Amino acid sequence: MACPSARRRRRTGGGPARDRAVDRRARARTVEDGMTPDVTKAARMVAEAAADVPVEEVPRRVCAAVCEGLGMDGTTLSLLTDTPSRQLLAASDDAALLLEEIQFTVLEGPCIAAAHQGEPVAVDDLRAGVSPWPLFGASMREKLPQVESVYALPVFFGDYVLGSVDLLALRTHALDEEALEQASLVADAVAAALLSTRDMIITGARAPAWEPDETVRAHWFDTARAVGALAAARRLTPENALALMRAEAFRTGRSLADITRDVLRRPPGTP
C-alpha cells in the first residue's frame, strides 16, 4: 500500500485500453466545466508557446509554459517514459533534469508510474513516511534535498499514453487533489502542442534537433547508441544492456548520461 504522502488515482473498471481512455475523456469534460482561471491560463500558455515557432524549440518552450502556468519550480517532458526507449524532450532546469535522471536510472518513481498506469501520481511530501519507491526516495533525499513534492501527469496521444509531464516543487502539497485533476487538462494541451514535432520523434540514425541539443542528445540519442553498443559487444538484449548501465550508475552514484559517455568513449571489448 502506498504511504499517505503518495496519491495514485487509478482508472475505474478493468476494461480494454479504449474503454479506459473514454472514461478519462469523460472525466476530463467534467473537470473542464469547473476549471480554475489558473488552469485555463496554463493551457493557453502551452498552446501559445508552440505557435509560430521553429519546431525544434517547441518542447523547451512548452516545458517552460507548463512550469510557469502551474506555478511549479521545475518541469520535464518525456516520451515512452516507462520503457527502455524513453526520450527526454525538455527539462526546465538542472534540478528537473536530475529528477528525470534519477527515475530513469533507478527505474521507478512517480513519472514512470504515471506513464505506466495512465493516471496522475502525486507525492505531496517527500520527507513524510516511507516512499512507495525506495530507490527513488533515497536518491531524491541524497541528490535533491530541496525538492519537497513531485507530481506526474500522463500525456495521451489518442487512446495511448506516450509520455509524461513531471512537476517538482520546493514546498509540500503544492497541488491538492482537485488541482492535480485539473492539471491533467494542461497535459492534454501539451499533447496537442507536441503534434507539430511528431516527425522528429525518431529512433533512427540521426540525432534530434530539439533544443538544447547537448542535453537532449545526452539523455536520449546517445543513451540509445550506448545501449546498442553494449548489447552487441556482450550479446545482451537491449533491456539487459540498459539494466547493466543503470546498475553501474547506481553503484557509482554517477548519472546515466555519465555512464553513456564512458561506453561511447571506450566501447565494450576495446583494449
C-alpha atoms as a PDB file:
ATOM      1  CA  MET A   1       0.000   0.000   0.000  1.00  0.00           C
ATOM      2  CA  ALA A   2       1.281   3.454  -0.889  1.00  0.00           C
ATOM      3  CA  CYS A   3       2.158   5.696   2.022  1.00  0.00           C
ATOM      4  CA  PRO A   4      -0.214   8.592   2.878  1.00  0.00           C
ATOM      5  CA  SER A   5       2.088  11.098   1.201  1.00  0.00           C
ATOM      6  CA  ALA A   6       1.640   9.444  -2.225  1.00  0.00           C
ATOM      7  CA  ARG A   7      -1.688   9.645  -4.074  1.00  0.00           C
ATOM      8  CA  ARG A   8      -2.422   7.432  -7.042  1.00  0.00           C
ATOM      9  CA  ARG A   9      -5.798   7.659  -8.727  1.00  0.00           C
ATOM     10  CA  ARG A  10      -6.404   4.537 -10.745  1.00  0.00           C
ATOM     11  CA  ARG A  11      -8.805   4.015 -13.609  1.00  0.00           C
ATOM     12  CA  THR A  12     -12.168   2.623 -12.676  1.00  0.00           C
ATOM     13  CA  GLY A  13     -13.040  -0.732 -14.144  1.00  0.00           C
ATOM     14  CA  GLY A  14     -10.793  -3.219 -15.867  1.00  0.00           C
ATOM     15  CA  GLY A  15     -11.903  -2.988 -19.492  1.00  0.00           C
ATOM     16  CA  PRO A  16      -9.672  -2.561 -22.529  1.00  0.00           C
ATOM     17  CA  ALA A  17      -7.498   0.483 -23.074  1.00  0.00           C
ATOM     18  CA  ARG A  18     -10.033   2.185 -25.340  1.00  0.00           C
ATOM     19  CA  ASP A  19     -12.766   1.939 -22.688  1.00  0.00           C
ATOM     20  CA  ARG A  20     -10.431   3.415 -20.091  1.00  0.00           C
ATOM     21  CA  ALA A  21      -9.483   6.240 -22.452  1.00  0.00           C
ATOM     22  CA  VAL A  22     -13.180   7.033 -22.982  1.00  0.00           C
ATOM     23  CA  ASP A  23     -13.611   7.138 -19.204  1.00  0.00           C
ATOM     24  CA  ARG A  24     -10.627   9.501 -18.960  1.00  0.00           C
ATOM     25  CA  ARG A  25     -12.127  11.835 -21.557  1.00  0.00           C
ATOM     26  CA  ALA A  26     -15.486  11.826 -19.773  1.00  0.00           C
ATOM     27  CA  ARG A  27     -13.763  12.773 -16.513  1.00  0.00           C
ATOM     28  CA  ALA A  28     -11.806  15.439 -18.359  1.00  0.00           C
ATOM     29  CA  ARG A  29     -15.011  17.035 -19.640  1.00  0.00           C
ATOM     30  CA  THR A  30     -16.357  17.123 -16.090  1.00  0.00           C
ATOM     31  CA  VAL A  31     -13.157  18.719 -14.815  1.00  0.00           C
ATOM     32  CA  GLU A  32     -13.083  21.175 -17.697  1.00  0.00           C
ATOM     33  CA  ASP A  33     -16.503  22.528 -16.706  1.00  0.00           C
ATOM     34  CA  GLY A  34     -15.037  23.637 -13.375  1.00  0.00           C
ATOM     35  CA  MET A  35     -11.539  24.642 -14.454  1.00  0.00           C
ATOM     36  CA  THR A  36      -9.973  27.440 -12.455  1.00  0.00           C
ATOM     37  CA  PRO A  37      -8.648  30.533 -14.239  1.00  0.00           C
ATOM     38  CA  ASP A  38      -5.076  29.409 -13.439  1.00  0.00           C
ATOM     39  CA  VAL A  39      -5.508  26.093 -15.258  1.00  0.00           C
ATOM     40  CA  THR A  40      -7.206  27.804 -18.183  1.00  0.00           C
ATOM     41  CA  LYS A  41      -4.326  30.279 -18.339  1.00  0.00           C
ATOM     42  CA  ALA A  42      -1.744  27.479 -18.155  1.00  0.00           C
ATOM     43  CA  ALA A  43      -3.378  25.575 -21.036  1.00  0.00           C
ATOM     44  CA  ARG A  44      -3.483  28.760 -23.100  1.00  0.00           C
ATOM     45  CA  MET A  45       0.186  29.461 -22.336  1.00  0.00           C
ATOM     46  CA  VAL A  46       1.115  25.971 -23.556  1.00  0.00           C
ATOM     47  CA  ALA A  47      -0.783  26.470 -26.824  1.00  0.00           C
ATOM     48  CA  GLU A  48       0.812  29.891 -27.361  1.00  0.00           C
ATOM     49  CA  ALA A  49       4.301  28.515 -26.623  1.00  0.00           C
ATOM     50  CA  ALA A  50       4.017  26.101 -29.560  1.00  0.00           C
ATOM     51  CA  ALA A  51       2.519  28.574 -32.007  1.00  0.00           C
ATOM     52  CA  ASP A  52       4.567  30.022 -34.867  1.00  0.00           C
ATOM     53  CA  VAL A  53       7.982  28.900 -33.581  1.00  0.00           C
ATOM     54  CA  PRO A  54      10.610  26.597 -35.111  1.00  0.00           C
ATOM     55  CA  VAL A  55       9.657  23.006 -34.387  1.00  0.00           C
ATOM     56  CA  GLU A  56      12.958  22.277 -32.628  1.00  0.00           C
ATOM     57  CA  GLU A  57      12.093  24.868 -29.980  1.00  0.00           C
ATOM     58  CA  VAL A  58       8.603  23.539 -29.210  1.00  0.00           C
ATOM     59  CA  PRO A  59       9.378  21.068 -26.365  1.00  0.00           C
ATOM     60  CA  ARG A  60      11.565  23.544 -24.465  1.00  0.00           C
ATOM     61  CA  ARG A  61       9.033  26.361 -24.810  1.00  0.00           C
ATOM     62  CA  VAL A  62       6.117  24.119 -23.858  1.00  0.00           C
ATOM     63  CA  CYS A  63       8.030  22.857 -20.820  1.00  0.00           C
ATOM     64  CA  ALA A  64       8.661  26.422 -19.634  1.00  0.00           C
ATOM     65  CA  ALA A  65       4.991  27.311 -20.175  1.00  0.00           C
ATOM     66  CA  VAL A  66       3.795  24.365 -18.059  1.00  0.00           C
ATOM     67  CA  CYS A  67       6.177  25.304 -15.261  1.00  0.00           C
ATOM     68  CA  GLU A  68       5.144  28.949 -15.204  1.00  0.00           C
ATOM     69  CA  GLY A  69       1.457  28.334 -15.834  1.00  0.00           C
ATOM     70  CA  LEU A  70       1.050  25.839 -12.976  1.00  0.00           C
ATOM     71  CA  GLY A  71       3.326  27.756 -10.622  1.00  0.00           C
ATOM     72  CA  MET A  72       5.800  24.911 -10.170  1.00  0.00           C
ATOM     73  CA  ASP A  73       9.540  25.074  -9.541  1.00  0.00           C
ATOM     74  CA  GLY A  74      10.560  22.627 -12.270  1.00  0.00           C
ATOM     75  CA  THR A  75       9.123  20.612 -15.141  1.00  0.00           C
ATOM     76  CA  THR A  76      10.225  17.883 -17.558  1.00  0.00           C
ATOM     77  CA  LEU A  77       8.632  16.362 -20.645  1.00  0.00           C
ATOM     78  CA  SER A  78       9.425  12.843 -21.819  1.00  0.00           C
ATOM     79  CA  LEU A  79       8.062  10.237 -24.207  1.00  0.00           C
ATOM     80  CA  LEU A  80       7.945   6.442 -23.791  1.00  0.00           C
ATOM     81  CA  THR A  81       8.676   7.213 -20.156  1.00  0.00           C
ATOM     82  CA  ASP A  82       8.240   3.710 -18.726  1.00  0.00           C
ATOM     83  CA  THR A  83      10.223   1.909 -21.457  1.00  0.00           C
ATOM     84  CA  PRO A  84      13.920   1.415 -22.318  1.00  0.00           C
ATOM     85  CA  SER A  85      13.297   3.733 -25.298  1.00  0.00           C
ATOM     86  CA  ARG A  86      12.468   6.698 -23.059  1.00  0.00           C
ATOM     87  CA  GLN A  87      13.076  10.024 -24.786  1.00  0.00           C
ATOM     88  CA  LEU A  88      13.718  13.212 -22.852  1.00  0.00           C
ATOM     89  CA  LEU A  89      12.146  16.149 -24.668  1.00  0.00           C
ATOM     90  CA  ALA A  90      12.887  19.018 -22.303  1.00  0.00           C
ATOM     91  CA  ALA A  91      13.771  19.960 -18.735  1.00  0.00           C
ATOM     92  CA  SER A  92      13.178  23.411 -17.274  1.00  0.00           C
ATOM     93  CA  ASP A  93      16.398  23.478 -15.219  1.00  0.00           C
ATOM     94  CA  ASP A  94      19.149  21.342 -13.683  1.00  0.00           C
ATOM     95  CA  ALA A  95      17.001  20.158 -10.759  1.00  0.00           C
ATOM     96  CA  ALA A  96      14.243  18.986 -13.108  1.00  0.00           C
ATOM     97  CA  LEU A  97      16.816  17.233 -15.284  1.00  0.00           C
ATOM     98  CA  LEU A  98      18.244  15.448 -12.244  1.00  0.00           C
ATOM     99  CA  LEU A  99      14.743  14.359 -11.202  1.00  0.00           C
ATOM    100  CA  GLU A 100      14.337  12.782 -14.636  1.00  0.00           C
ATOM    101  CA  GLU A 101      17.787  11.166 -14.458  1.00  0.00           C
ATOM    102  CA  ILE A 102      17.081   9.641 -11.043  1.00  0.00           C
ATOM    103  CA  GLN A 103      13.862   7.995 -12.196  1.00  0.00           C
ATOM    104  CA  PHE A 104      15.318   6.654 -15.429  1.00  0.00           C
ATOM    105  CA  THR A 105      18.337   5.295 -13.573  1.00  0.00           C
ATOM    106  CA  VAL A 106      16.509   3.501 -10.737  1.00  0.00           C
ATOM    107  CA  LEU A 107      13.532   2.587 -12.977  1.00  0.00           C
ATOM    108  CA  GLU A 108      10.900   3.761 -10.518  1.00  0.00           C
ATOM    109  CA  GLY A 109       9.175   6.917  -9.358  1.00  0.00           C
ATOM    110  CA  PRO A 110       6.033   8.957  -9.968  1.00  0.00           C
ATOM    111  CA  CYS A 111       6.824   9.803 -13.596  1.00  0.00           C
ATOM    112  CA  ILE A 112       7.229   6.149 -14.569  1.00  0.00           C
ATOM    113  CA  ALA A 113       4.167   5.170 -12.523  1.00  0.00           C
ATOM    114  CA  ALA A 114       2.012   7.816 -14.217  1.00  0.00           C
ATOM    115  CA  ALA A 115       3.080   6.652 -17.673  1.00  0.00           C
ATOM    116  CA  HIS A 116       2.505   3.003 -16.769  1.00  0.00           C
ATOM    117  CA  GLN A 117      -0.875   3.467 -15.080  1.00  0.00           C
ATOM    118  CA  GLY A 118      -2.230   6.273 -17.259  1.00  0.00           C
ATOM    119  CA  GLU A 119      -3.207   8.268 -14.172  1.00  0.00           C
ATOM    120  CA  PRO A 120      -1.812  11.331 -12.355  1.00  0.00           C
ATOM    121  CA  VAL A 121       0.526  10.482  -9.482  1.00  0.00           C
ATOM    122  CA  ALA A 122       1.316  12.729  -6.527  1.00  0.00           C
ATOM    123  CA  VAL A 123       3.979  12.662  -3.848  1.00  0.00           C
ATOM    124  CA  ASP A 124       2.853  15.524  -1.642  1.00  0.00           C
ATOM    125  CA  ASP A 125       5.668  15.297   0.898  1.00  0.00           C
ATOM    126  CA  LEU A 126       8.910  13.540   0.010  1.00  0.00           C
ATOM    127  CA  ARG A 127      10.095  13.672   3.619  1.00  0.00           C
ATOM    128  CA  ALA A 128       6.995  12.128   5.213  1.00  0.00           C
ATOM    129  CA  GLY A 129       6.765   8.387   5.755  1.00  0.00           C
ATOM    130  CA  VAL A 130       8.270   5.692   3.553  1.00  0.00           C
ATOM    131  CA  SER A 131       8.309   6.192  -0.193  1.00  0.00           C
ATOM    132  CA  PRO A 132       6.498   3.546  -2.272  1.00  0.00           C
ATOM    133  CA  TRP A 133       9.644   3.675  -4.432  1.00  0.00           C
ATOM    134  CA  PRO A 134      12.563   3.121  -2.034  1.00  0.00           C
ATOM    135  CA  LEU A 135      15.414   3.697  -4.509  1.00  0.00           C
ATOM    136  CA  PHE A 136      13.744   6.829  -5.847  1.00  0.00           C
ATOM    137  CA  GLY A 137      13.087   8.146  -2.349  1.00  0.00           C
ATOM    138  CA  ALA A 138      16.653   7.558  -1.178  1.00  0.00           C
ATOM    139  CA  SER A 139      18.129   9.146  -4.303  1.00  0.00           C
ATOM    140  CA  MET A 140      15.898  12.197  -4.015  1.00  0.00           C
ATOM    141  CA  ARG A 141      16.856  12.764  -0.380  1.00  0.00           C
ATOM    142  CA  GLU A 142      20.532  12.489  -1.295  1.00  0.00           C
ATOM    143  CA  LYS A 143      20.652  14.455  -4.538  1.00  0.00           C
ATOM    144  CA  LEU A 144      17.672  16.814  -4.421  1.00  0.00           C
ATOM    145  CA  PRO A 145      17.029  17.513  -0.737  1.00  0.00           C
ATOM    146  CA  GLN A 146      15.460  20.882  -1.581  1.00  0.00           C
ATOM    147  CA  VAL A 147      12.580  19.269  -3.501  1.00  0.00           C
ATOM    148  CA  GLU A 148       9.561  18.729  -1.238  1.00  0.00           C
ATOM    149  CA  SER A 149       6.885  17.393  -3.606  1.00  0.00           C
ATOM    150  CA  VAL A 150       6.658  15.791  -7.046  1.00  0.00           C
ATOM    151  CA  TYR A 151       3.701  15.306  -9.395  1.00  0.00           C
ATOM    152  CA  ALA A 152       3.459  13.387 -12.661  1.00  0.00           C
ATOM    153  CA  LEU A 153       0.851  13.567 -15.403  1.00  0.00           C
ATOM    154  CA  PRO A 154       0.439  11.065 -18.251  1.00  0.00           C
ATOM    155  CA  VAL A 155       0.434  12.519 -21.758  1.00  0.00           C
ATOM    156  CA  PHE A 156      -2.110  10.814 -24.015  1.00  0.00           C
ATOM    157  CA  PHE A 157      -1.950  10.653 -27.785  1.00  0.00           C
ATOM    158  CA  GLY A 158      -5.382   9.341 -28.675  1.00  0.00           C
ATOM    159  CA  ASP A 159      -6.040   6.263 -26.561  1.00  0.00           C
ATOM    160  CA  TYR A 160      -2.409   5.609 -25.651  1.00  0.00           C
ATOM    161  CA  VAL A 161      -0.041   7.010 -23.054  1.00  0.00           C
ATOM    162  CA  LEU A 162       3.094   8.023 -24.917  1.00  0.00           C
ATOM    163  CA  GLY A 163       4.773  10.149 -22.286  1.00  0.00           C
ATOM    164  CA  SER A 164       4.527  12.164 -19.128  1.00  0.00           C
ATOM    165  CA  VAL A 165       4.969  15.571 -17.556  1.00  0.00           C
ATOM    166  CA  ASP A 166       6.961  15.743 -14.327  1.00  0.00           C
ATOM    167  CA  LEU A 167       6.388  18.634 -11.925  1.00  0.00           C
ATOM    168  CA  LEU A 168       8.517  19.439  -8.893  1.00  0.00           C
ATOM    169  CA  ALA A 169       8.023  21.958  -6.107  1.00  0.00           C
ATOM    170  CA  LEU A 170      10.176  23.288  -3.281  1.00  0.00           C
ATOM    171  CA  ARG A 171       7.152  23.146  -0.969  1.00  0.00           C
ATOM    172  CA  THR A 172       4.932  20.317   0.268  1.00  0.00           C
ATOM    173  CA  HIS A 173       1.384  19.836  -1.019  1.00  0.00           C
ATOM    174  CA  ALA A 174       1.949  22.151  -3.975  1.00  0.00           C
ATOM    175  CA  LEU A 175      -1.111  20.687  -5.746  1.00  0.00           C
ATOM    176  CA  ASP A 176      -4.193  19.410  -3.936  1.00  0.00           C
ATOM    177  CA  GLU A 177      -6.275  16.598  -5.393  1.00  0.00           C
ATOM    178  CA  GLU A 178      -8.589  18.895  -7.351  1.00  0.00           C
ATOM    179  CA  ALA A 179      -5.693  20.940  -8.726  1.00  0.00           C
ATOM    180  CA  LEU A 180      -3.896  17.784  -9.852  1.00  0.00           C
ATOM    181  CA  GLU A 181      -7.024  16.531 -11.617  1.00  0.00           C
ATOM    182  CA  GLN A 182      -7.357  19.859 -13.389  1.00  0.00           C
ATOM    183  CA  ALA A 183      -3.675  19.845 -14.297  1.00  0.00           C
ATOM    184  CA  SER A 184      -4.410  16.796 -16.440  1.00  0.00           C
ATOM    185  CA  LEU A 185      -6.098  19.203 -18.851  1.00  0.00           C
ATOM    186  CA  VAL A 186      -2.767  21.005 -19.148  1.00  0.00           C
ATOM    187  CA  ALA A 187      -1.165  17.653 -20.050  1.00  0.00           C
ATOM    188  CA  ASP A 188      -3.749  17.346 -22.843  1.00  0.00           C
ATOM    189  CA  ALA A 189      -2.682  20.800 -24.065  1.00  0.00           C
ATOM    190  CA  VAL A 190       0.918  19.536 -24.048  1.00  0.00           C
ATOM    191  CA  ALA A 191      -0.066  16.567 -26.230  1.00  0.00           C
ATOM    192  CA  ALA A 192      -1.747  18.898 -28.727  1.00  0.00           C
ATOM    193  CA  ALA A 193       1.256  21.233 -28.732  1.00  0.00           C
ATOM    194  CA  LEU A 194       3.666  18.361 -29.426  1.00  0.00           C
ATOM    195  CA  LEU A 195       1.788  17.193 -32.514  1.00  0.00           C
ATOM    196  CA  SER A 196       3.896  19.513 -34.642  1.00  0.00           C
ATOM    197  CA  THR A 197       7.020  17.614 -33.534  1.00  0.00           C
ATOM    198  CA  ARG A 198       5.768  14.144 -34.441  1.00  0.00           C
ATOM    199  CA  ASP A 199       8.020  13.838 -37.487  1.00  0.00           C
ATOM    200  CA  MET A 200      11.047  14.452 -35.235  1.00  0.00           C
ATOM    201  CA  ILE A 201      10.215  11.671 -32.789  1.00  0.00           C
ATOM    202  CA  ILE A 202      12.763   9.298 -34.229  1.00  0.00           C
ATOM    203  CA  THR A 203      14.691   6.203 -33.264  1.00  0.00           C
ATOM    204  CA  GLY A 204      16.952   6.102 -36.295  1.00  0.00           C
ATOM    205  CA  ALA A 205      20.475   7.205 -37.051  1.00  0.00           C
ATOM    206  CA  ARG A 206      20.018  10.987 -36.779  1.00  0.00           C
ATOM    207  CA  ALA A 207      20.248  12.881 -33.524  1.00  0.00           C
ATOM    208  CA  PRO A 208      17.208  15.018 -32.683  1.00  0.00           C
ATOM    209  CA  ALA A 209      17.300  18.728 -33.428  1.00  0.00           C
ATOM    210  CA  TRP A 210      15.436  19.757 -30.284  1.00  0.00           C
ATOM    211  CA  GLU A 211      16.991  22.428 -28.116  1.00  0.00           C
ATOM    212  CA  PRO A 212      19.083  22.445 -26.044  1.00  0.00           C
ATOM    213  CA  ASP A 213      20.803  19.975 -28.333  1.00  0.00           C
ATOM    214  CA  GLU A 214      23.513  18.780 -25.918  1.00  0.00           C
ATOM    215  CA  THR A 215      21.052  17.963 -23.118  1.00  0.00           C
ATOM    216  CA  VAL A 216      18.527  16.200 -25.324  1.00  0.00           C
ATOM    217  CA  ARG A 217      21.225  14.251 -27.156  1.00  0.00           C
ATOM    218  CA  ALA A 218      22.841  13.024 -23.918  1.00  0.00           C
ATOM    219  CA  HIS A 219      19.519  11.877 -22.485  1.00  0.00           C
ATOM    220  CA  TRP A 220      18.070  10.140 -25.497  1.00  0.00           C
ATOM    221  CA  PHE A 221      20.054   9.599 -28.675  1.00  0.00           C
ATOM    222  CA  ASP A 222      23.449   8.855 -27.095  1.00  0.00           C
ATOM    223  CA  THR A 223      21.916   6.580 -24.454  1.00  0.00           C
ATOM    224  CA  ALA A 224      20.276   4.504 -27.182  1.00  0.00           C
ATOM    225  CA  ARG A 225      23.606   4.274 -29.032  1.00  0.00           C
ATOM    226  CA  ALA A 226      25.414   3.168 -25.870  1.00  0.00           C
ATOM    227  CA  VAL A 227      22.786   0.526 -25.123  1.00  0.00           C
ATOM    228  CA  GLY A 228      23.173  -0.824 -28.649  1.00  0.00           C
ATOM    229  CA  ALA A 229      26.966  -0.930 -28.406  1.00  0.00           C
ATOM    230  CA  LEU A 230      26.924  -2.707 -25.045  1.00  0.00           C
ATOM    231  CA  ALA A 231      24.256  -5.173 -26.171  1.00  0.00           C
ATOM    232  CA  ALA A 232      26.211  -6.084 -29.323  1.00  0.00           C
ATOM    233  CA  ALA A 233      29.538  -6.441 -27.520  1.00  0.00           C
ATOM    234  CA  ARG A 234      28.201  -8.641 -24.718  1.00  0.00           C
ATOM    235  CA  ARG A 235      25.439 -10.382 -26.677  1.00  0.00           C
ATOM    236  CA  LEU A 236      22.712  -8.989 -24.451  1.00  0.00           C
ATOM    237  CA  THR A 237      19.198  -7.818 -25.089  1.00  0.00           C
ATOM    238  CA  PRO A 238      18.832  -4.022 -25.100  1.00  0.00           C
ATOM    239  CA  GLU A 239      16.840  -4.297 -21.868  1.00  0.00           C
ATOM    240  CA  ASN A 240      19.683  -6.169 -20.124  1.00  0.00           C
ATOM    241  CA  ALA A 241      22.310  -3.799 -21.507  1.00  0.00           C
ATOM    242  CA  LEU A 242      20.374  -0.834 -20.157  1.00  0.00           C
ATOM    243  CA  ALA A 243      19.975  -2.646 -16.828  1.00  0.00           C
ATOM    244  CA  LEU A 244      23.780  -3.006 -16.612  1.00  0.00           C
ATOM    245  CA  MET A 245      24.251   0.688 -17.315  1.00  0.00           C
ATOM    246  CA  ARG A 246      21.651   1.587 -14.695  1.00  0.00           C
ATOM    247  CA  ALA A 247      23.333  -0.679 -12.145  1.00  0.00           C
ATOM    248  CA  GLU A 248      26.705   0.965 -12.789  1.00  0.00           C
ATOM    249  CA  ALA A 249      25.186   4.425 -12.437  1.00  0.00           C
ATOM    250  CA  PHE A 250      23.513   3.478  -9.160  1.00  0.00           C
ATOM    251  CA  ARG A 251      26.651   1.740  -7.836  1.00  0.00           C
ATOM    252  CA  THR A 252      28.935   4.682  -8.550  1.00  0.00           C
ATOM    253  CA  GLY A 253      26.489   7.487  -7.819  1.00  0.00           C
ATOM    254  CA  ARG A 254      27.015   8.896 -11.312  1.00  0.00           C
ATOM    255  CA  SER A 255      24.314   9.779 -13.815  1.00  0.00           C
ATOM    256  CA  LEU A 256      23.233   7.522 -16.646  1.00  0.00           C
ATOM    257  CA  ALA A 257      24.461  10.234 -19.024  1.00  0.00           C
ATOM    258  CA  ASP A 258      27.945   9.851 -17.493  1.00  0.00           C
ATOM    259  CA  ILE A 259      27.863   6.074 -17.985  1.00  0.00           C
ATOM    260  CA  THR A 260      26.668   6.634 -21.553  1.00  0.00           C
ATOM    261  CA  ARG A 261      29.677   8.847 -22.277  1.00  0.00           C
ATOM    262  CA  ASP A 262      32.005   6.182 -20.837  1.00  0.00           C
ATOM    263  CA  VAL A 263      30.531   3.464 -23.049  1.00  0.00           C
ATOM    264  CA  LEU A 264      30.732   5.583 -26.188  1.00  0.00           C
ATOM    265  CA  ARG A 265      34.222   6.852 -25.393  1.00  0.00           C
ATOM    266  CA  ARG A 266      35.569   3.336 -24.772  1.00  0.00           C
ATOM    267  CA  PRO A 267      33.247   0.800 -26.433  1.00  0.00           C
ATOM    268  CA  PRO A 268      32.947  -2.577 -24.650  1.00  0.00           C
ATOM    269  CA  GLY A 269      35.548  -5.068 -25.783  1.00  0.00           C
ATOM    270  CA  THR A 270      38.182  -2.480 -26.717  1.00  0.00           C
ATOM    271  CA  PRO A 271      41.599  -2.877 -25.076  1.00  0.00           C
END
